[in-house]
Amino acid sequence: MRLFPLVGATALIATLAGAVPAQQKQDDSLKRAATQPLRDTRIQKEKIPEALLLAASAPYSLDGTRTCAQIVDQIDTLDAALGDDVDVPSAKKGEGAYVASAATKAAINTLIPGLGLVRVITGADKAQRRAEAAAYAGSVRRAYLKGLGLSKNCRPPAAPTAAAVADKPELPPIEEK
């Protein structure tokens, strides 16, 4: 297997992906796609943020939730690890960045035959499942904290925004192609 030329190409793509600071979120997704083989072969290990590990250990803990300020601190820490919550209005992600990221990931994944087997052998598959479980627990913890904040009459970000609370559940329309 020719791994070292792939590593060099991946590093070059990752460097180029980070060249435009104005589009940081788009660049991050492209850089992440470009460096995926390094994670798949465990050359580059991804560290799970401490906030997510703590959330995974006790997502419904009342520790540190006595005041609205304490809740805000925990939510801010989780936001730093997870990104914005669903109640925060954000700019729509550009389709161009999504297409570039998907194209990069597809091109790189075709360079390594048997990538699924490589991921299992190197332990990358198990590491990814652990990271996904920690991110899920972090999301659950953040939602729980916002519910506590709402019950204590805290203001956002210690509670969901008024618009999020006022929303009514509805199924999205089915898109036909």
N, C-alpha and C. Protein backbone atom coordinates (compact mmCIF):
# COMPACT_ATOMS: atom_id res chain seq x y z
N MET A 1 0.85 -1.18 0.00
CA MET A 1 0.00 0.00 0.00
C MET A 1 0.89 1.23 0.00
N ARG A 2 0.64 2.18 -0.85
CA ARG A 2 1.43 3.40 -0.94
C ARG A 2 0.80 4.45 -0.04
N LEU A 3 1.16 4.44 1.20
CA LEU A 3 0.55 5.34 2.17
C LEU A 3 1.23 6.69 2.22
N PHE A 4 2.56 6.72 2.09
CA PHE A 4 3.28 7.97 2.28
C PHE A 4 2.99 9.01 1.20
N PRO A 5 2.89 8.66 -0.10
CA PRO A 5 2.48 9.68 -1.07
C PRO A 5 1.07 10.19 -0.78
N LEU A 6 0.21 9.32 -0.29
CA LEU A 6 -1.15 9.73 0.05
C LEU A 6 -1.13 10.73 1.20
N VAL A 7 -0.27 10.49 2.19
CA VAL A 7 -0.16 11.40 3.32
C VAL A 7 0.30 12.77 2.85
N GLY A 8 1.27 12.80 1.95
CA GLY A 8 1.76 14.07 1.42
C GLY A 8 0.69 14.81 0.65
N ALA A 9 -0.04 14.10 -0.19
CA ALA A 9 -1.13 14.71 -0.95
C ALA A 9 -2.23 15.21 -0.03
N THR A 10 -2.54 14.42 0.99
CA THR A 10 -3.57 14.82 1.95
C THR A 10 -3.15 16.07 2.70
N ALA A 11 -1.89 16.14 3.11
CA ALA A 11 -1.39 17.31 3.83
C ALA A 11 -1.46 18.55 2.93
N LEU A 12 -1.13 18.40 1.65
CA LEU A 12 -1.20 19.52 0.72
C LEU A 12 -2.64 20.00 0.56
N ILE A 13 -3.57 19.07 0.39
CA ILE A 13 -4.98 19.44 0.25
C ILE A 13 -5.47 20.13 1.52
N ALA A 14 -5.08 19.60 2.68
CA ALA A 14 -5.49 20.20 3.96
C ALA A 14 -4.95 21.60 4.10
N THR A 15 -3.72 21.83 3.66
CA THR A 15 -3.12 23.17 3.72
C THR A 15 -3.88 24.13 2.81
N LEU A 16 -4.17 23.67 1.59
CA LEU A 16 -4.90 24.51 0.66
C LEU A 16 -6.31 24.80 1.15
N ALA A 17 -6.91 23.84 1.84
CA ALA A 17 -8.28 24.02 2.34
C ALA A 17 -8.34 25.11 3.38
N GLY A 18 -7.26 25.37 4.09
CA GLY A 18 -7.25 26.38 5.14
C GLY A 18 -6.77 27.73 4.66
N ALA A 19 -6.69 27.97 3.35
CA ALA A 19 -6.09 29.19 2.82
C ALA A 19 -6.98 30.42 2.89
N VAL A 20 -8.29 30.30 3.01
CA VAL A 20 -9.19 31.45 2.98
C VAL A 20 -9.84 31.63 4.36
N PRO A 21 -9.31 32.56 5.21
CA PRO A 21 -9.83 32.69 6.56
C PRO A 21 -11.26 33.21 6.63
N ALA A 22 -11.76 33.90 5.64
CA ALA A 22 -13.12 34.44 5.68
C ALA A 22 -14.17 33.34 5.64
N GLN A 23 -13.80 32.19 5.16
CA GLN A 23 -14.76 31.09 5.05
C GLN A 23 -14.34 29.96 5.97
N GLN A 24 -14.10 30.25 7.25
CA GLN A 24 -13.51 29.29 8.18
C GLN A 24 -14.33 28.01 8.31
N LYS A 25 -15.66 28.11 8.47
CA LYS A 25 -16.46 26.90 8.63
C LYS A 25 -16.43 26.03 7.39
N GLN A 26 -16.48 26.66 6.21
CA GLN A 26 -16.43 25.91 4.96
C GLN A 26 -15.07 25.26 4.81
N ASP A 27 -14.02 26.00 5.15
CA ASP A 27 -12.67 25.46 5.06
C ASP A 27 -12.48 24.30 6.01
N ASP A 28 -13.06 24.39 7.21
CA ASP A 28 -12.93 23.32 8.18
C ASP A 28 -13.51 22.02 7.65
N SER A 29 -14.67 22.08 6.97
CA SER A 29 -15.27 20.85 6.45
C SER A 29 -14.43 20.29 5.31
N LEU A 30 -13.86 21.15 4.49
CA LEU A 30 -13.01 20.68 3.40
C LEU A 30 -11.71 20.09 3.96
N LYS A 31 -11.13 20.75 4.95
CA LYS A 31 -9.91 20.26 5.58
C LYS A 31 -10.17 18.92 6.27
N ARG A 32 -11.32 18.80 6.92
CA ARG A 32 -11.68 17.55 7.59
C ARG A 32 -11.80 16.41 6.58
N ALA A 33 -12.42 16.68 5.44
CA ALA A 33 -12.55 15.66 4.40
C ALA A 33 -11.18 15.27 3.85
N ALA A 34 -10.31 16.26 3.68
CA ALA A 34 -8.99 16.00 3.12
C ALA A 34 -8.10 15.19 4.06
N THR A 35 -8.29 15.36 5.35
CA THR A 35 -7.44 14.65 6.32
C THR A 35 -8.09 13.36 6.82
N GLN A 36 -9.22 12.97 6.27
CA GLN A 36 -9.91 11.74 6.69
C GLN A 36 -9.02 10.50 6.60
N PRO A 37 -8.23 10.32 5.52
CA PRO A 37 -7.38 9.12 5.48
C PRO A 37 -6.37 9.05 6.63
N LEU A 38 -5.92 10.20 7.10
CA LEU A 38 -4.99 10.20 8.23
C LEU A 38 -5.67 9.68 9.49
N ARG A 39 -6.96 10.00 9.65
CA ARG A 39 -7.71 9.48 10.80
C ARG A 39 -8.07 8.01 10.57
N ASP A 40 -8.38 7.64 9.33
CA ASP A 40 -8.75 6.26 9.02
C ASP A 40 -7.61 5.29 9.26
N THR A 41 -6.39 5.74 9.04
CA THR A 41 -5.22 4.88 9.23
C THR A 41 -4.57 5.12 10.59
N ARG A 42 -5.18 5.97 11.40
CA ARG A 42 -4.73 6.28 12.76
C ARG A 42 -3.36 6.95 12.79
N ILE A 43 -2.97 7.58 11.65
CA ILE A 43 -1.75 8.38 11.65
C ILE A 43 -2.03 9.66 12.43
N GLN A 44 -3.22 10.20 12.26
CA GLN A 44 -3.65 11.37 13.01
C GLN A 44 -4.80 10.93 13.91
N LYS A 45 -4.63 11.12 15.21
CA LYS A 45 -5.67 10.73 16.15
C LYS A 45 -6.47 11.96 16.54
N GLU A 46 -7.77 11.78 16.60
CA GLU A 46 -8.66 12.87 16.95
C GLU A 46 -8.96 12.81 18.44
N LYS A 47 -8.71 13.91 19.12
CA LYS A 47 -8.95 13.95 20.56
C LYS A 47 -10.38 14.42 20.82
N ILE A 48 -11.08 13.70 21.68
CA ILE A 48 -12.44 14.07 22.04
C ILE A 48 -12.35 15.16 23.11
N PRO A 49 -13.04 16.29 22.92
CA PRO A 49 -12.98 17.37 23.92
C PRO A 49 -13.44 16.89 25.30
N GLU A 50 -12.78 17.42 26.32
CA GLU A 50 -13.09 17.04 27.70
C GLU A 50 -14.56 17.28 28.05
N ALA A 51 -15.12 18.37 27.53
CA ALA A 51 -16.52 18.70 27.82
C ALA A 51 -17.45 17.58 27.37
N LEU A 52 -17.14 16.96 26.23
CA LEU A 52 -17.98 15.88 25.72
C LEU A 52 -17.79 14.60 26.52
N LEU A 53 -16.56 14.34 26.97
CA LEU A 53 -16.31 13.17 27.81
C LEU A 53 -17.05 13.30 29.14
N LEU A 54 -17.05 14.51 29.70
CA LEU A 54 -17.78 14.74 30.95
C LEU A 54 -19.29 14.57 30.74
N ALA A 55 -19.78 15.10 29.63
CA ALA A 55 -21.21 14.98 29.32
C ALA A 55 -21.59 13.51 29.14
N ALA A 56 -20.72 12.74 28.52
CA ALA A 56 -21.01 11.32 28.30
C ALA A 56 -21.04 10.55 29.62
N SER A 57 -20.26 11.01 30.58
CA SER A 57 -20.21 10.29 31.86
C SER A 57 -21.45 10.54 32.72
N ALA A 58 -22.09 11.69 32.55
CA ALA A 58 -23.28 12.00 33.38
C ALA A 58 -24.10 13.11 32.70
N PRO A 59 -24.84 12.78 31.64
CA PRO A 59 -25.57 13.82 30.90
C PRO A 59 -26.67 14.52 31.69
N TYR A 60 -27.20 13.86 32.72
CA TYR A 60 -28.32 14.45 33.47
C TYR A 60 -27.92 14.88 34.88
N SER A 61 -26.64 15.09 35.10
CA SER A 61 -26.16 15.51 36.40
C SER A 61 -26.63 16.93 36.73
N LEU A 62 -26.95 17.15 37.99
CA LEU A 62 -27.33 18.49 38.44
C LEU A 62 -26.12 19.28 38.95
N ASP A 63 -24.95 18.67 38.91
CA ASP A 63 -23.73 19.32 39.37
C ASP A 63 -23.45 20.58 38.55
N GLY A 64 -23.27 21.70 39.23
CA GLY A 64 -22.96 22.95 38.55
C GLY A 64 -24.12 23.57 37.82
N THR A 65 -25.34 23.36 38.31
CA THR A 65 -26.53 23.92 37.65
C THR A 65 -27.38 24.75 38.61
N ARG A 66 -26.78 25.21 39.69
CA ARG A 66 -27.55 25.93 40.71
C ARG A 66 -28.02 27.30 40.21
N THR A 67 -27.16 27.99 39.44
CA THR A 67 -27.51 29.33 38.97
C THR A 67 -27.53 29.39 37.45
N CYS A 68 -28.15 30.41 36.92
CA CYS A 68 -28.18 30.60 35.47
C CYS A 68 -26.77 30.80 34.92
N ALA A 69 -25.92 31.50 35.67
CA ALA A 69 -24.54 31.73 35.22
C ALA A 69 -23.77 30.42 35.10
N GLN A 70 -24.00 29.51 36.03
CA GLN A 70 -23.34 28.20 35.95
C GLN A 70 -23.82 27.41 34.73
N ILE A 71 -25.10 27.50 34.46
CA ILE A 71 -25.67 26.82 33.29
C ILE A 71 -25.08 27.41 32.01
N VAL A 72 -24.98 28.74 31.95
CA VAL A 72 -24.39 29.40 30.78
C VAL A 72 -22.96 28.93 30.57
N ASP A 73 -22.18 28.83 31.64
CA ASP A 73 -20.79 28.38 31.52
C ASP A 73 -20.72 26.99 30.90
N GLN A 74 -21.57 26.09 31.37
CA GLN A 74 -21.55 24.73 30.82
C GLN A 74 -22.00 24.69 29.37
N ILE A 75 -23.03 25.47 29.05
CA ILE A 75 -23.52 25.51 27.67
C ILE A 75 -22.47 26.12 26.75
N ASP A 76 -21.79 27.17 27.20
CA ASP A 76 -20.72 27.76 26.39
C ASP A 76 -19.60 26.76 26.11
N THR A 77 -19.26 25.97 27.11
CA THR A 77 -18.22 24.96 26.94
C THR A 77 -18.66 23.90 25.93
N LEU A 78 -19.92 23.48 26.02
CA LEU A 78 -20.44 22.50 25.07
C LEU A 78 -20.56 23.10 23.67
N ASP A 79 -20.95 24.37 23.58
CA ASP A 79 -21.02 25.04 22.27
C ASP A 79 -19.65 25.08 21.60
N ALA A 80 -18.60 25.32 22.41
CA ALA A 80 -17.25 25.36 21.86
C ALA A 80 -16.86 24.00 21.27
N ALA A 81 -17.34 22.92 21.87
CA ALA A 81 -17.01 21.57 21.40
C ALA A 81 -17.92 21.10 20.27
N LEU A 82 -19.19 21.51 20.31
CA LEU A 82 -20.18 20.99 19.36
C LEU A 82 -20.54 21.95 18.24
N GLY A 83 -20.32 23.24 18.43
CA GLY A 83 -20.83 24.24 17.51
C GLY A 83 -22.15 24.77 18.04
N ASP A 84 -22.76 25.66 17.29
CA ASP A 84 -24.01 26.29 17.74
C ASP A 84 -25.12 25.26 17.90
N ASP A 85 -26.01 25.56 18.84
CA ASP A 85 -27.20 24.73 19.06
C ASP A 85 -28.23 25.05 17.98
N VAL A 86 -29.25 24.22 17.88
CA VAL A 86 -30.26 24.39 16.83
C VAL A 86 -31.12 25.63 17.02
N ASP A 87 -31.14 26.22 18.21
CA ASP A 87 -31.96 27.41 18.41
C ASP A 87 -31.22 28.70 18.07
N VAL A 88 -29.97 28.61 17.64
CA VAL A 88 -29.19 29.79 17.27
C VAL A 88 -29.31 30.00 15.77
N PRO A 89 -29.86 31.16 15.36
CA PRO A 89 -29.96 31.39 13.92
C PRO A 89 -28.57 31.56 13.33
N SER A 90 -28.33 30.90 12.19
CA SER A 90 -27.02 30.99 11.56
C SER A 90 -27.18 31.13 10.06
N ALA A 91 -26.12 31.60 9.46
CA ALA A 91 -26.14 31.73 8.01
C ALA A 91 -26.15 30.34 7.38
N LYS A 92 -26.85 30.21 6.27
CA LYS A 92 -26.89 28.92 5.60
C LYS A 92 -25.52 28.59 5.04
N LYS A 93 -25.15 27.34 5.17
CA LYS A 93 -23.87 26.89 4.67
C LYS A 93 -23.91 26.89 3.14
N GLY A 94 -22.87 27.42 2.54
CA GLY A 94 -22.83 27.50 1.09
C GLY A 94 -22.79 26.13 0.44
N GLU A 95 -23.55 25.98 -0.63
CA GLU A 95 -23.59 24.71 -1.33
C GLU A 95 -22.24 24.39 -1.95
N GLY A 96 -21.51 25.42 -2.33
CA GLY A 96 -20.20 25.22 -2.93
C GLY A 96 -19.25 24.51 -1.99
N ALA A 97 -19.26 24.88 -0.72
CA ALA A 97 -18.38 24.24 0.27
C ALA A 97 -18.79 22.79 0.48
N TYR A 98 -20.09 22.53 0.49
CA TYR A 98 -20.57 21.16 0.66
C TYR A 98 -20.12 20.29 -0.51
N VAL A 99 -20.28 20.79 -1.72
CA VAL A 99 -19.90 20.04 -2.92
C VAL A 99 -18.39 19.79 -2.92
N ALA A 100 -17.61 20.82 -2.57
CA ALA A 100 -16.15 20.67 -2.54
C ALA A 100 -15.73 19.64 -1.50
N SER A 101 -16.35 19.69 -0.34
CA SER A 101 -16.03 18.75 0.72
C SER A 101 -16.38 17.33 0.31
N ALA A 102 -17.56 17.15 -0.26
CA ALA A 102 -17.99 15.82 -0.70
C ALA A 102 -17.09 15.28 -1.81
N ALA A 103 -16.71 16.15 -2.73
CA ALA A 103 -15.84 15.72 -3.84
C ALA A 103 -14.47 15.32 -3.31
N THR A 104 -13.93 16.09 -2.37
CA THR A 104 -12.63 15.77 -1.79
C THR A 104 -12.68 14.44 -1.07
N LYS A 105 -13.73 14.23 -0.27
CA LYS A 105 -13.87 12.98 0.48
C LYS A 105 -13.99 11.80 -0.48
N ALA A 106 -14.78 11.94 -1.54
CA ALA A 106 -14.96 10.85 -2.49
C ALA A 106 -13.66 10.54 -3.22
N ALA A 107 -12.93 11.57 -3.62
CA ALA A 107 -11.67 11.35 -4.33
C ALA A 107 -10.65 10.66 -3.45
N ILE A 108 -10.55 11.08 -2.22
CA ILE A 108 -9.57 10.50 -1.31
C ILE A 108 -9.95 9.07 -0.93
N ASN A 109 -11.23 8.82 -0.72
CA ASN A 109 -11.66 7.47 -0.35
C ASN A 109 -11.41 6.46 -1.46
N THR A 110 -11.37 6.91 -2.72
CA THR A 110 -11.09 5.98 -3.81
C THR A 110 -9.60 5.67 -3.92
N LEU A 111 -8.74 6.45 -3.30
CA LEU A 111 -7.30 6.22 -3.35
C LEU A 111 -6.86 5.05 -2.47
N ILE A 112 -7.64 4.70 -1.47
CA ILE A 112 -7.27 3.63 -0.55
C ILE A 112 -8.25 2.47 -0.75
N PRO A 113 -7.82 1.42 -1.45
CA PRO A 113 -8.72 0.28 -1.61
C PRO A 113 -8.90 -0.44 -0.28
N GLY A 114 -10.10 -0.91 -0.03
CA GLY A 114 -10.37 -1.64 1.21
C GLY A 114 -10.34 -0.74 2.43
N LEU A 115 -10.76 0.50 2.27
CA LEU A 115 -10.68 1.46 3.38
C LEU A 115 -11.48 1.01 4.60
N GLY A 116 -12.63 0.38 4.38
CA GLY A 116 -13.43 -0.09 5.51
C GLY A 116 -12.67 -1.10 6.35
N LEU A 117 -11.98 -2.00 5.71
CA LEU A 117 -11.17 -2.99 6.42
C LEU A 117 -10.01 -2.32 7.14
N VAL A 118 -9.39 -1.34 6.49
CA VAL A 118 -8.29 -0.59 7.12
C VAL A 118 -8.79 0.09 8.38
N ARG A 119 -9.98 0.68 8.31
CA ARG A 119 -10.55 1.37 9.48
C ARG A 119 -10.78 0.41 10.64
N VAL A 120 -11.23 -0.80 10.36
CA VAL A 120 -11.47 -1.78 11.42
C VAL A 120 -10.14 -2.25 12.01
N ILE A 121 -9.18 -2.56 11.16
CA ILE A 121 -7.88 -3.05 11.62
C ILE A 121 -7.15 -2.01 12.47
N THR A 122 -7.17 -0.75 12.04
CA THR A 122 -6.44 0.30 12.76
C THR A 122 -7.18 0.80 14.01
N GLY A 123 -8.46 0.46 14.12
CA GLY A 123 -9.23 0.94 15.27
C GLY A 123 -9.89 2.28 15.03
N ALA A 124 -9.75 2.81 13.81
CA ALA A 124 -10.36 4.11 13.49
C ALA A 124 -11.87 4.04 13.57
N ASP A 125 -12.44 2.91 13.20
CA ASP A 125 -13.89 2.73 13.24
C ASP A 125 -14.40 2.84 14.68
N LYS A 126 -13.72 2.17 15.59
CA LYS A 126 -14.10 2.20 17.00
C LYS A 126 -13.92 3.61 17.58
N ALA A 127 -12.83 4.27 17.21
CA ALA A 127 -12.58 5.64 17.68
C ALA A 127 -13.66 6.59 17.18
N GLN A 128 -14.11 6.41 15.94
CA GLN A 128 -15.16 7.26 15.39
C GLN A 128 -16.47 7.04 16.13
N ARG A 129 -16.80 5.78 16.42
CA ARG A 129 -18.04 5.51 17.16
C ARG A 129 -17.98 6.14 18.55
N ARG A 130 -16.82 6.10 19.20
CA ARG A 130 -16.67 6.70 20.53
C ARG A 130 -16.85 8.22 20.45
N ALA A 131 -16.27 8.84 19.43
CA ALA A 131 -16.39 10.29 19.25
C ALA A 131 -17.84 10.68 18.96
N GLU A 132 -18.53 9.89 18.14
CA GLU A 132 -19.93 10.16 17.83
C GLU A 132 -20.81 10.02 19.07
N ALA A 133 -20.53 9.02 19.90
CA ALA A 133 -21.29 8.83 21.14
C ALA A 133 -21.06 10.00 22.09
N ALA A 134 -19.84 10.50 22.16
CA ALA A 134 -19.54 11.64 23.03
C ALA A 134 -20.24 12.90 22.52
N ALA A 135 -20.26 13.10 21.21
CA ALA A 135 -20.95 14.26 20.64
C ALA A 135 -22.45 14.17 20.90
N TYR A 136 -23.01 12.99 20.77
CA TYR A 136 -24.44 12.80 21.06
C TYR A 136 -24.73 13.13 22.53
N ALA A 137 -23.89 12.61 23.43
CA ALA A 137 -24.07 12.88 24.87
C ALA A 137 -23.94 14.37 25.15
N GLY A 138 -23.03 15.04 24.46
CA GLY A 138 -22.88 16.49 24.62
C GLY A 138 -24.13 17.23 24.18
N SER A 139 -24.74 16.79 23.09
CA SER A 139 -25.99 17.40 22.61
C SER A 139 -27.13 17.18 23.60
N VAL A 140 -27.19 15.96 24.14
CA VAL A 140 -28.22 15.64 25.14
C VAL A 140 -28.01 16.52 26.37
N ARG A 141 -26.77 16.64 26.83
CA ARG A 141 -26.46 17.44 28.02
C ARG A 141 -26.85 18.90 27.79
N ARG A 142 -26.52 19.44 26.61
CA ARG A 142 -26.86 20.83 26.32
C ARG A 142 -28.38 21.03 26.32
N ALA A 143 -29.12 20.11 25.73
CA ALA A 143 -30.59 20.22 25.73
C ALA A 143 -31.13 20.14 27.16
N TYR A 144 -30.57 19.23 27.96
CA TYR A 144 -30.99 19.10 29.35
C TYR A 144 -30.71 20.39 30.12
N LEU A 145 -29.54 20.97 29.92
CA LEU A 145 -29.19 22.22 30.61
C LEU A 145 -30.13 23.35 30.19
N LYS A 146 -30.47 23.42 28.92
CA LYS A 146 -31.39 24.46 28.47
C LYS A 146 -32.78 24.26 29.05
N GLY A 147 -33.20 23.01 29.20
CA GLY A 147 -34.48 22.74 29.85
C GLY A 147 -34.46 23.15 31.31
N LEU A 148 -33.35 22.88 32.00
CA LEU A 148 -33.21 23.34 33.39
C LEU A 148 -33.25 24.86 33.44
N GLY A 149 -32.52 25.49 32.53
CA GLY A 149 -32.51 26.96 32.48
C GLY A 149 -33.89 27.54 32.24
N LEU A 150 -34.65 26.90 31.37
CA LEU A 150 -36.03 27.35 31.10
C LEU A 150 -36.88 27.22 32.35
N SER A 151 -36.73 26.12 33.07
CA SER A 151 -37.52 25.93 34.29
C SER A 151 -37.13 26.91 35.40
N LYS A 152 -35.91 27.44 35.33
CA LYS A 152 -35.44 28.42 36.33
C LYS A 152 -35.62 29.86 35.84
N ASN A 153 -36.31 30.03 34.71
CA ASN A 153 -36.55 31.34 34.11
C ASN A 153 -35.26 32.07 33.74
N CYS A 154 -34.25 31.32 33.32
CA CYS A 154 -33.01 31.92 32.83
C CYS A 154 -33.23 32.45 31.42
N ARG A 155 -32.38 33.37 31.02
CA ARG A 155 -32.43 33.89 29.66
C ARG A 155 -31.44 33.12 28.78
N PRO A 156 -31.66 33.14 27.47
CA PRO A 156 -30.70 32.49 26.57
C PRO A 156 -29.30 33.09 26.76
N PRO A 157 -28.30 32.31 26.68
CA PRO A 157 -28.19 30.94 26.20
C PRO A 157 -28.41 29.88 27.27
N ALA A 158 -28.76 30.27 28.50
CA ALA A 158 -29.03 29.26 29.54
C ALA A 158 -30.38 28.59 29.34
N ALA A 159 -31.16 29.07 28.41
CA ALA A 159 -32.46 28.50 28.06
C ALA A 159 -32.62 28.65 26.55
N PRO A 160 -33.55 27.92 25.95
CA PRO A 160 -33.77 28.09 24.51
C PRO A 160 -34.29 29.49 24.20
N THR A 161 -34.08 29.94 22.98
CA THR A 161 -34.60 31.24 22.58
C THR A 161 -36.13 31.21 22.57
N ALA A 162 -36.73 32.37 22.66
CA ALA A 162 -38.20 32.45 22.65
C ALA A 162 -38.77 31.88 21.35
N ALA A 163 -38.09 32.12 20.25
CA ALA A 163 -38.56 31.60 18.96
C ALA A 163 -38.54 30.07 18.94
N ALA A 164 -37.50 29.48 19.54
CA ALA A 164 -37.41 28.02 19.59
C ALA A 164 -38.51 27.43 20.47
N VAL A 165 -38.84 28.09 21.56
CA VAL A 165 -39.90 27.62 22.45
C VAL A 165 -41.26 27.75 21.78
N ALA A 166 -41.43 28.81 20.98
CA ALA A 166 -42.71 29.06 20.32
C ALA A 166 -42.94 28.16 19.10
N ASP A 167 -41.88 27.57 18.57
CA ASP A 167 -42.03 26.70 17.39
C ASP A 167 -42.99 25.55 17.65
N LYS A 168 -43.70 25.20 16.61
CA LYS A 168 -44.61 24.05 16.66
C LYS A 168 -43.99 22.92 15.84
N PRO A 169 -44.03 21.70 16.36
CA PRO A 169 -43.48 20.57 15.59
C PRO A 169 -44.27 20.35 14.31
N GLU A 170 -43.54 20.16 13.21
CA GLU A 170 -44.19 19.86 11.95
C GLU A 170 -43.20 19.10 11.07
N LEU A 171 -43.75 18.25 10.24
CA LEU A 171 -42.92 17.50 9.31
C LEU A 171 -42.57 18.38 8.13
N PRO A 172 -41.33 18.30 7.65
CA PRO A 172 -40.96 19.09 6.48
C PRO A 172 -41.64 18.55 5.23
N PRO A 173 -41.86 19.40 4.24
CA PRO A 173 -42.48 18.92 3.00
C PRO A 173 -41.55 17.94 2.30
N ILE A 174 -42.14 16.98 1.61
CA ILE A 174 -41.37 15.99 0.86
C ILE A 174 -40.93 16.60 -0.46
N GLU A 175 -39.61 16.55 -0.69
CA GLU A 175 -39.08 17.09 -1.94
C GLU A 175 -39.08 16.00 -2.99
N GLU A 176 -39.68 16.30 -4.13
CA GLU A 176 -39.69 15.33 -5.23
C GLU A 176 -38.69 15.77 -6.25
N LYS A 177 -37.97 14.79 -6.80
CA LYS A 177 -36.97 15.12 -7.82
C LYS A 177 -37.37 14.62 -9.15
